[in-house]
Amino acid sequence: DANSLRLRWQVVGVDPGFDHDVAVNLAGQTLTGFTPA
């Protein structure tokens, strides 16, 4: 019954909350642009 599915993320120690989001791809997806650790 959803008309919107958003993957939300927060980098601990950097973001105060779930400041980033992208539309969900139900087949699976890859997030990029993070630094190690």
PDB file of all heavy atoms in Angstrom:
ATOM      1  N   ASP A   1       0.809  -1.224   0.000  1.00  0.00           N
ATOM      2  CA  ASP A   1       0.000   0.000   0.000  1.00  0.00           C
ATOM      3  C   ASP A   1       0.840   1.271   0.000  1.00  0.00           C
ATOM      4  O   ASP A   1       0.322   2.359   0.236  1.00  0.00           O
ATOM      5  CB  ASP A   1      -0.995   0.031   1.172  1.00  0.00           C
ATOM      6  CG  ASP A   1      -2.001  -1.106   1.106  1.00  0.00           C
ATOM      7  OD1 ASP A   1      -2.438  -1.444  -0.011  1.00  0.00           O
ATOM      8  OD2 ASP A   1      -2.331  -1.653   2.165  1.00  0.00           O
ATOM      9  N   ALA A   2       2.149   1.171  -0.245  1.00  0.00           N
ATOM     10  CA  ALA A   2       3.001   2.359  -0.298  1.00  0.00           C
ATOM     11  C   ALA A   2       2.961   2.972  -1.692  1.00  0.00           C
ATOM     12  O   ALA A   2       2.949   2.257  -2.694  1.00  0.00           O
ATOM     13  CB  ALA A   2       4.435   2.004   0.057  1.00  0.00           C
ATOM     14  N   ASN A   3       2.931   4.302  -1.752  1.00  0.00           N
ATOM     15  CA  ASN A   3       3.119   4.966  -3.041  1.00  0.00           C
ATOM     16  C   ASN A   3       4.486   5.638  -3.104  1.00  0.00           C
ATOM     17  O   ASN A   3       4.841   6.237  -4.091  1.00  0.00           O
ATOM     18  CB  ASN A   3       1.987   5.951  -3.349  1.00  0.00           C
ATOM     19  CG  ASN A   3       1.823   7.016  -2.293  1.00  0.00           C
ATOM     20  OD1 ASN A   3       2.742   7.308  -1.545  1.00  0.00           O
ATOM     21  ND2 ASN A   3       0.636   7.599  -2.222  1.00  0.00           N
ATOM     22  N   SER A   4       5.257   5.489  -2.006  1.00  0.00           N
ATOM     23  CA  SER A   4       6.619   6.005  -1.959  1.00  0.00           C
ATOM     24  C   SER A   4       7.469   5.081  -1.089  1.00  0.00           C
ATOM     25  O   SER A   4       7.077   4.757   0.033  1.00  0.00           O
ATOM     26  CB  SER A   4       6.616   7.417  -1.367  1.00  0.00           C
ATOM     27  OG  SER A   4       7.940   7.866  -1.152  1.00  0.00           O
ATOM     28  N   LEU A   5       8.592   4.644  -1.639  1.00  0.00           N
ATOM     29  CA  LEU A   5       9.564   3.842  -0.884  1.00  0.00           C
ATOM     30  C   LEU A   5      10.916   4.537  -1.011  1.00  0.00           C
ATOM     31  O   LEU A   5      11.455   4.662  -2.118  1.00  0.00           O
ATOM     32  CB  LEU A   5       9.662   2.415  -1.436  1.00  0.00           C
ATOM     33  CG  LEU A   5       8.445   1.529  -1.249  1.00  0.00           C
ATOM     34  CD1 LEU A   5       8.606   0.231  -2.047  1.00  0.00           C
ATOM     35  CD2 LEU A   5       8.239   1.212   0.234  1.00  0.00           C
ATOM     36  N   ARG A   6      11.459   5.002   0.124  1.00  0.00           N
ATOM     37  CA  ARG A   6      12.717   5.737   0.123  1.00  0.00           C
ATOM     38  C   ARG A   6      13.715   5.064   1.046  1.00  0.00           C
ATOM     39  O   ARG A   6      13.409   4.785   2.206  1.00  0.00           O
ATOM     40  CB  ARG A   6      12.518   7.180   0.599  1.00  0.00           C
ATOM     41  CG  ARG A   6      11.488   7.995  -0.171  1.00  0.00           C
ATOM     42  CD  ARG A   6      11.879   8.297  -1.577  1.00  0.00           C
ATOM     43  NE  ARG A   6      13.047   9.173  -1.676  1.00  0.00           N
ATOM     44  CZ  ARG A   6      13.551   9.565  -2.830  1.00  0.00           C
ATOM     45  NH1 ARG A   6      13.046   9.174  -3.974  1.00  0.00           N
ATOM     46  NH2 ARG A   6      14.616  10.350  -2.841  1.00  0.00           N
ATOM     47  N   LEU A   7      14.904   4.769   0.519  1.00  0.00           N
ATOM     48  CA  LEU A   7      16.007   4.270   1.325  1.00  0.00           C
ATOM     49  C   LEU A   7      16.687   5.486   1.938  1.00  0.00           C
ATOM     50  O   LEU A   7      17.146   6.381   1.231  1.00  0.00           O
ATOM     51  CB  LEU A   7      16.990   3.478   0.468  1.00  0.00           C
ATOM     52  CG  LEU A   7      18.271   3.026   1.168  1.00  0.00           C
ATOM     53  CD1 LEU A   7      17.950   2.078   2.322  1.00  0.00           C
ATOM     54  CD2 LEU A   7      19.208   2.368   0.174  1.00  0.00           C
ATOM     55  N   ARG A   8      16.730   5.520   3.270  1.00  0.00           N
ATOM     56  CA  ARG A   8      17.308   6.650   3.987  1.00  0.00           C
ATOM     57  C   ARG A   8      18.580   6.192   4.690  1.00  0.00           C
ATOM     58  O   ARG A   8      18.655   5.055   5.124  1.00  0.00           O
ATOM     59  CB  ARG A   8      16.309   7.193   5.016  1.00  0.00           C
ATOM     60  CG  ARG A   8      14.980   7.553   4.389  1.00  0.00           C
ATOM     61  CD  ARG A   8      13.907   8.007   5.377  1.00  0.00           C
ATOM     62  NE  ARG A   8      13.910   7.290   6.615  1.00  0.00           N
ATOM     63  CZ  ARG A   8      13.919   7.859   7.823  1.00  0.00           C
ATOM     64  NH1 ARG A   8      13.929   9.161   7.962  1.00  0.00           N
ATOM     65  NH2 ARG A   8      13.921   7.125   8.918  1.00  0.00           N
ATOM     66  N   TRP A   9      19.580   7.095   4.801  1.00  0.00           N
ATOM     67  CA  TRP A   9      20.790   6.717   5.520  1.00  0.00           C
ATOM     68  C   TRP A   9      21.397   7.896   6.248  1.00  0.00           C
ATOM     69  O   TRP A   9      21.155   9.051   5.932  1.00  0.00           O
ATOM     70  CB  TRP A   9      21.804   6.037   4.617  1.00  0.00           C
ATOM     71  CG  TRP A   9      22.462   6.886   3.582  1.00  0.00           C
ATOM     72  CD1 TRP A   9      23.643   7.562   3.691  1.00  0.00           C
ATOM     73  CD2 TRP A   9      21.998   7.146   2.265  1.00  0.00           C
ATOM     74  NE1 TRP A   9      23.941   8.221   2.529  1.00  0.00           N
ATOM     75  CE2 TRP A   9      22.943   7.983   1.630  1.00  0.00           C
ATOM     76  CE3 TRP A   9      20.875   6.763   1.544  1.00  0.00           C
ATOM     77  CZ2 TRP A   9      22.786   8.419   0.327  1.00  0.00           C
ATOM     78  CZ3 TRP A   9      20.723   7.214   0.249  1.00  0.00           C
ATOM     79  CH2 TRP A   9      21.677   8.022  -0.335  1.00  0.00           C
ATOM     80  N   GLN A  10      22.192   7.520   7.246  1.00  0.00           N
ATOM     81  CA  GLN A  10      22.878   8.472   8.101  1.00  0.00           C
ATOM     82  C   GLN A  10      24.289   7.964   8.330  1.00  0.00           C
ATOM     83  O   GLN A  10      24.480   6.801   8.680  1.00  0.00           O
ATOM     84  CB  GLN A  10      22.146   8.568   9.439  1.00  0.00           C
ATOM     85  CG  GLN A  10      22.899   9.292  10.519  1.00  0.00           C
ATOM     86  CD  GLN A  10      22.239   9.174  11.881  1.00  0.00           C
ATOM     87  OE1 GLN A  10      21.381   8.338  12.094  1.00  0.00           O
ATOM     88  NE2 GLN A  10      22.651  10.004  12.799  1.00  0.00           N
ATOM     89  N   VAL A  11      25.291   8.824   8.123  1.00  0.00           N
ATOM     90  CA  VAL A  11      26.662   8.487   8.463  1.00  0.00           C
ATOM     91  C   VAL A  11      26.855   8.893   9.927  1.00  0.00           C
ATOM     92  O   VAL A  11      26.751  10.076  10.271  1.00  0.00           O
ATOM     93  CB  VAL A  11      27.680   9.198   7.551  1.00  0.00           C
ATOM     94  CG1 VAL A  11      29.103   8.847   7.956  1.00  0.00           C
ATOM     95  CG2 VAL A  11      27.426   8.831   6.088  1.00  0.00           C
ATOM     96  N   VAL A  12      27.089   7.908  10.781  1.00  0.00           N
ATOM     97  CA  VAL A  12      27.213   8.149  12.216  1.00  0.00           C
ATOM     98  C   VAL A  12      28.416   9.051  12.488  1.00  0.00           C
ATOM     99  O   VAL A  12      29.495   8.847  11.932  1.00  0.00           O
ATOM    100  CB  VAL A  12      27.340   6.810  12.974  1.00  0.00           C
ATOM    101  CG1 VAL A  12      27.582   7.046  14.461  1.00  0.00           C
ATOM    102  CG2 VAL A  12      26.093   5.957  12.756  1.00  0.00           C
ATOM    103  N   GLY A  13      28.212  10.071  13.316  1.00  0.00           N
ATOM    104  CA  GLY A  13      29.277  11.009  13.641  1.00  0.00           C
ATOM    105  C   GLY A  13      29.432  12.132  12.638  1.00  0.00           C
ATOM    106  O   GLY A  13      30.221  13.045  12.849  1.00  0.00           O
ATOM    107  N   VAL A  14      28.705  12.066  11.525  1.00  0.00           N
ATOM    108  CA  VAL A  14      28.762  13.100  10.489  1.00  0.00           C
ATOM    109  C   VAL A  14      27.392  13.759  10.326  1.00  0.00           C
ATOM    110  O   VAL A  14      27.269  14.979  10.359  1.00  0.00           O
ATOM    111  CB  VAL A  14      29.248  12.518   9.143  1.00  0.00           C
ATOM    112  CG1 VAL A  14      29.202  13.571   8.040  1.00  0.00           C
ATOM    113  CG2 VAL A  14      30.643  11.933   9.277  1.00  0.00           C
ATOM    114  N   ASP A  15      26.367  12.949  10.148  1.00  0.00           N
ATOM    115  CA  ASP A  15      25.012  13.444   9.916  1.00  0.00           C
ATOM    116  C   ASP A  15      24.214  13.435  11.219  1.00  0.00           C
ATOM    117  O   ASP A  15      24.273  12.458  11.971  1.00  0.00           O
ATOM    118  CB  ASP A  15      24.286  12.566   8.893  1.00  0.00           C
ATOM    119  CG  ASP A  15      24.989  12.509   7.550  1.00  0.00           C
ATOM    120  OD1 ASP A  15      25.483  13.561   7.103  1.00  0.00           O
ATOM    121  OD2 ASP A  15      25.027  11.423   6.945  1.00  0.00           O
ATOM    122  N   PRO A  16      23.433  14.493  11.487  1.00  0.00           N
ATOM    123  CA  PRO A  16      22.633  14.517  12.706  1.00  0.00           C
ATOM    124  C   PRO A  16      21.432  13.572  12.666  1.00  0.00           C
ATOM    125  O   PRO A  16      20.885  13.217  13.709  1.00  0.00           O
ATOM    126  CB  PRO A  16      22.183  15.972  12.812  1.00  0.00           C
ATOM    127  CG  PRO A  16      22.255  16.502  11.429  1.00  0.00           C
ATOM    128  CD  PRO A  16      23.354  15.745  10.742  1.00  0.00           C
ATOM    129  N   GLY A  17      21.023  13.168  11.482  1.00  0.00           N
ATOM    130  CA  GLY A  17      19.878  12.267  11.330  1.00  0.00           C
ATOM    131  C   GLY A  17      19.924  11.617   9.969  1.00  0.00           C
ATOM    132  O   GLY A  17      20.948  11.648   9.282  1.00  0.00           O
ATOM    133  N   PHE A  18      18.811  11.042   9.562  1.00  0.00           N
ATOM    134  CA  PHE A  18      18.726  10.411   8.246  1.00  0.00           C
ATOM    135  C   PHE A  18      18.593  11.506   7.191  1.00  0.00           C
ATOM    136  O   PHE A  18      17.510  11.805   6.695  1.00  0.00           O
ATOM    137  CB  PHE A  18      17.542   9.444   8.201  1.00  0.00           C
ATOM    138  CG  PHE A  18      17.794   8.175   8.953  1.00  0.00           C
ATOM    139  CD1 PHE A  18      17.419   8.053  10.281  1.00  0.00           C
ATOM    140  CD2 PHE A  18      18.421   7.106   8.351  1.00  0.00           C
ATOM    141  CE1 PHE A  18      17.655   6.885  10.988  1.00  0.00           C
ATOM    142  CE2 PHE A  18      18.675   5.934   9.039  1.00  0.00           C
ATOM    143  CZ  PHE A  18      18.291   5.832  10.361  1.00  0.00           C
ATOM    144  N   ASP A  19      19.744  12.130   6.874  1.00  0.00           N
ATOM    145  CA  ASP A  19      19.766  13.295   6.006  1.00  0.00           C
ATOM    146  C   ASP A  19      19.820  12.968   4.514  1.00  0.00           C
ATOM    147  O   ASP A  19      19.762  13.860   3.692  1.00  0.00           O
ATOM    148  CB  ASP A  19      20.974  14.173   6.350  1.00  0.00           C
ATOM    149  CG  ASP A  19      20.862  14.806   7.712  1.00  0.00           C
ATOM    150  OD1 ASP A  19      19.759  14.795   8.299  1.00  0.00           O
ATOM    151  OD2 ASP A  19      21.881  15.312   8.219  1.00  0.00           O
ATOM    152  N   HIS A  20      19.969  11.695   4.170  1.00  0.00           N
ATOM    153  CA  HIS A  20      20.111  11.303   2.767  1.00  0.00           C
ATOM    154  C   HIS A  20      19.033  10.282   2.426  1.00  0.00           C
ATOM    155  O   HIS A  20      18.673   9.450   3.258  1.00  0.00           O
ATOM    156  CB  HIS A  20      21.488  10.665   2.515  1.00  0.00           C
ATOM    157  CG  HIS A  20      22.616  11.484   3.084  1.00  0.00           C
ATOM    158  ND1 HIS A  20      23.161  12.558   2.424  1.00  0.00           N
ATOM    159  CD2 HIS A  20      23.292  11.378   4.255  1.00  0.00           C
ATOM    160  CE1 HIS A  20      24.132  13.076   3.159  1.00  0.00           C
ATOM    161  NE2 HIS A  20      24.223  12.377   4.279  1.00  0.00           N
ATOM    162  N   ASP A  21      18.536  10.343   1.189  1.00  0.00           N
ATOM    163  CA  ASP A  21      17.590   9.325   0.761  1.00  0.00           C
ATOM    164  C   ASP A  21      17.591   9.205  -0.753  1.00  0.00           C
ATOM    165  O   ASP A  21      18.033  10.096  -1.463  1.00  0.00           O
ATOM    166  CB  ASP A  21      16.185   9.603   1.297  1.00  0.00           C
ATOM    167  CG  ASP A  21      15.495  10.762   0.606  1.00  0.00           C
ATOM    168  OD1 ASP A  21      16.158  11.783   0.346  1.00  0.00           O
ATOM    169  OD2 ASP A  21      14.297  10.647   0.317  1.00  0.00           O
ATOM    170  N   VAL A  22      17.111   8.053  -1.198  1.00  0.00           N
ATOM    171  CA  VAL A  22      17.030   7.754  -2.619  1.00  0.00           C
ATOM    172  C   VAL A  22      15.860   6.783  -2.803  1.00  0.00           C
ATOM    173  O   VAL A  22      15.495   6.055  -1.876  1.00  0.00           O
ATOM    174  CB  VAL A  22      18.370   7.142  -3.138  1.00  0.00           C
ATOM    175  CG1 VAL A  22      18.657   5.801  -2.507  1.00  0.00           C
ATOM    176  CG2 VAL A  22      18.406   7.067  -4.638  1.00  0.00           C
ATOM    177  N   ALA A  23      15.261   6.789  -3.987  1.00  0.00           N
ATOM    178  CA  ALA A  23      14.169   5.860  -4.271  1.00  0.00           C
ATOM    179  C   ALA A  23      14.667   4.423  -4.152  1.00  0.00           C
ATOM    180  O   ALA A  23      15.794   4.105  -4.541  1.00  0.00           O
ATOM    181  CB  ALA A  23      13.604   6.109  -5.661  1.00  0.00           C
ATOM    182  N   VAL A  24      13.824   3.556  -3.610  1.00  0.00           N
ATOM    183  CA  VAL A  24      14.161   2.141  -3.461  1.00  0.00           C
ATOM    184  C   VAL A  24      14.070   1.448  -4.814  1.00  0.00           C
ATOM    185  O   VAL A  24      13.131   1.675  -5.579  1.00  0.00           O
ATOM    186  CB  VAL A  24      13.198   1.463  -2.452  1.00  0.00           C
ATOM    187  CG1 VAL A  24      13.269  -0.048  -2.542  1.00  0.00           C
ATOM    188  CG2 VAL A  24      13.492   1.938  -1.044  1.00  0.00           C
ATOM    189  N   ASN A  25      15.041   0.595  -5.105  1.00  0.00           N
ATOM    190  CA  ASN A  25      14.987  -0.318  -6.239  1.00  0.00           C
ATOM    191  C   ASN A  25      14.792  -1.702  -5.637  1.00  0.00           C
ATOM    192  O   ASN A  25      15.713  -2.257  -5.035  1.00  0.00           O
ATOM    193  CB  ASN A  25      16.279  -0.244  -7.049  1.00  0.00           C
ATOM    194  CG  ASN A  25      16.277  -1.187  -8.224  1.00  0.00           C
ATOM    195  OD1 ASN A  25      15.481  -2.123  -8.295  1.00  0.00           O
ATOM    196  ND2 ASN A  25      17.175  -0.963  -9.156  1.00  0.00           N
ATOM    197  N   LEU A  26      13.584  -2.262  -5.758  1.00  0.00           N
ATOM    198  CA  LEU A  26      13.260  -3.529  -5.102  1.00  0.00           C
ATOM    199  C   LEU A  26      14.138  -4.686  -5.559  1.00  0.00           C
ATOM    200  O   LEU A  26      14.275  -5.677  -4.846  1.00  0.00           O
ATOM    201  CB  LEU A  26      11.784  -3.865  -5.301  1.00  0.00           C
ATOM    202  CG  LEU A  26      10.813  -2.950  -4.557  1.00  0.00           C
ATOM    203  CD1 LEU A  26       9.378  -3.244  -4.966  1.00  0.00           C
ATOM    204  CD2 LEU A  26      10.993  -3.072  -3.057  1.00  0.00           C
ATOM    205  N   ALA A  27      14.769  -4.555  -6.724  1.00  0.00           N
ATOM    206  CA  ALA A  27      15.670  -5.595  -7.211  1.00  0.00           C
ATOM    207  C   ALA A  27      17.013  -5.564  -6.480  1.00  0.00           C
ATOM    208  O   ALA A  27      17.812  -6.485  -6.612  1.00  0.00           O
ATOM    209  CB  ALA A  27      15.882  -5.443  -8.714  1.00  0.00           C
ATOM    210  N   GLY A  28      17.255  -4.504  -5.690  1.00  0.00           N
ATOM    211  CA  GLY A  28      18.517  -4.322  -4.986  1.00  0.00           C
ATOM    212  C   GLY A  28      19.246  -3.122  -5.548  1.00  0.00           C
ATOM    213  O   GLY A  28      18.985  -2.693  -6.669  1.00  0.00           O
ATOM    214  N   GLN A  29      20.131  -2.563  -4.742  1.00  0.00           N
ATOM    215  CA  GLN A  29      20.843  -1.374  -5.187  1.00  0.00           C
ATOM    216  C   GLN A  29      22.141  -1.213  -4.418  1.00  0.00           C
ATOM    217  O   GLN A  29      22.356  -1.884  -3.406  1.00  0.00           O
ATOM    218  CB  GLN A  29      19.962  -0.138  -5.040  1.00  0.00           C
ATOM    219  CG  GLN A  29      19.525   0.184  -3.630  1.00  0.00           C
ATOM    220  CD  GLN A  29      18.309   1.105  -3.641  1.00  0.00           C
ATOM    221  OE1 GLN A  29      17.238   0.681  -3.268  1.00  0.00           O
ATOM    222  NE2 GLN A  29      18.472   2.338  -4.073  1.00  0.00           N
ATOM    223  N   THR A  30      22.984  -0.322  -4.935  1.00  0.00           N
ATOM    224  CA  THR A  30      24.275  -0.054  -4.316  1.00  0.00           C
ATOM    225  C   THR A  30      24.394   1.441  -4.051  1.00  0.00           C
ATOM    226  O   THR A  30      24.174   2.253  -4.949  1.00  0.00           O
ATOM    227  CB  THR A  30      25.421  -0.521  -5.229  1.00  0.00           C
ATOM    228  OG1 THR A  30      25.282  -1.924  -5.452  1.00  0.00           O
ATOM    229  CG2 THR A  30      26.772  -0.259  -4.589  1.00  0.00           C
ATOM    230  N   LEU A  31      24.744   1.780  -2.817  1.00  0.00           N
ATOM    231  CA  LEU A  31      25.053   3.163  -2.462  1.00  0.00           C
ATOM    232  C   LEU A  31      26.559   3.352  -2.587  1.00  0.00           C
ATOM    233  O   LEU A  31      27.332   2.467  -2.226  1.00  0.00           O
ATOM    234  CB  LEU A  31      24.624   3.464  -1.030  1.00  0.00           C
ATOM    235  CG  LEU A  31      23.137   3.397  -0.717  1.00  0.00           C
ATOM    236  CD1 LEU A  31      22.903   3.663   0.767  1.00  0.00           C
ATOM    237  CD2 LEU A  31      22.358   4.386  -1.565  1.00  0.00           C
ATOM    238  N   THR A  32      26.972   4.516  -3.069  1.00  0.00           N
ATOM    239  CA  THR A  32      28.394   4.784  -3.279  1.00  0.00           C
ATOM    240  C   THR A  32      28.794   6.094  -2.603  1.00  0.00           C
ATOM    241  O   THR A  32      27.945   6.848  -2.138  1.00  0.00           O
ATOM    242  CB  THR A  32      28.715   4.878  -4.777  1.00  0.00           C
ATOM    243  OG1 THR A  32      27.978   5.967  -5.338  1.00  0.00           O
ATOM    244  CG2 THR A  32      28.357   3.600  -5.515  1.00  0.00           C
ATOM    245  N   GLY A  33      30.100   6.338  -2.573  1.00  0.00           N
ATOM    246  CA  GLY A  33      30.612   7.621  -2.114  1.00  0.00           C
ATOM    247  C   GLY A  33      31.012   7.674  -0.651  1.00  0.00           C
ATOM    248  O   GLY A  33      31.278   8.748  -0.126  1.00  0.00           O
ATOM    249  N   PHE A  34      31.075   6.539   0.005  1.00  0.00           N
ATOM    250  CA  PHE A  34      31.480   6.517   1.405  1.00  0.00           C
ATOM    251  C   PHE A  34      32.988   6.349   1.504  1.00  0.00           C
ATOM    252  O   PHE A  34      33.631   5.840   0.597  1.00  0.00           O
ATOM    253  CB  PHE A  34      30.782   5.371   2.144  1.00  0.00           C
ATOM    254  CG  PHE A  34      29.284   5.480   2.124  1.00  0.00           C
ATOM    255  CD1 PHE A  34      28.534   4.722   1.238  1.00  0.00           C
ATOM    256  CD2 PHE A  34      28.625   6.347   2.987  1.00  0.00           C
ATOM    257  CE1 PHE A  34      27.158   4.826   1.208  1.00  0.00           C
ATOM    258  CE2 PHE A  34      27.247   6.454   2.968  1.00  0.00           C
ATOM    259  CZ  PHE A  34      26.510   5.697   2.072  1.00  0.00           C
ATOM    260  N   THR A  35      33.548   6.768   2.638  1.00  0.00           N
ATOM    261  CA  THR A  35      34.960   6.545   2.887  1.00  0.00           C
ATOM    262  C   THR A  35      35.109   5.326   3.789  1.00  0.00           C
ATOM    263  O   THR A  35      34.160   4.938   4.478  1.00  0.00           O
ATOM    264  CB  THR A  35      35.614   7.777   3.532  1.00  0.00           C
ATOM    265  OG1 THR A  35      34.935   8.077   4.745  1.00  0.00           O
ATOM    266  CG2 THR A  35      35.546   8.985   2.623  1.00  0.00           C
ATOM    267  N   PRO A  36      36.275   4.679   3.770  1.00  0.00           N
ATOM    268  CA  PRO A  36      36.472   3.485   4.601  1.00  0.00           C
ATOM    269  C   PRO A  36      36.243   3.764   6.082  1.00  0.00           C
ATOM    270  O   PRO A  36      36.527   4.857   6.575  1.00  0.00           O
ATOM    271  CB  PRO A  36      37.929   3.100   4.335  1.00  0.00           C
ATOM    272  CG  PRO A  36      38.233   3.683   2.997  1.00  0.00           C
ATOM    273  CD  PRO A  36      37.441   4.952   2.926  1.00  0.00           C
ATOM    274  N   ALA A  37      35.739   2.774   6.771  1.00  0.00           N
ATOM    275  CA  ALA A  37      35.531   2.773   8.220  1.00  0.00           C
ATOM    276  C   ALA A  37      34.423   3.713   8.691  1.00  0.00           C
ATOM    277  O   ALA A  37      34.379   4.069   9.858  1.00  0.00           O
ATOM    278  CB  ALA A  37      36.829   3.053   8.966  1.00  0.00           C
TER     279      ALA A  37
END
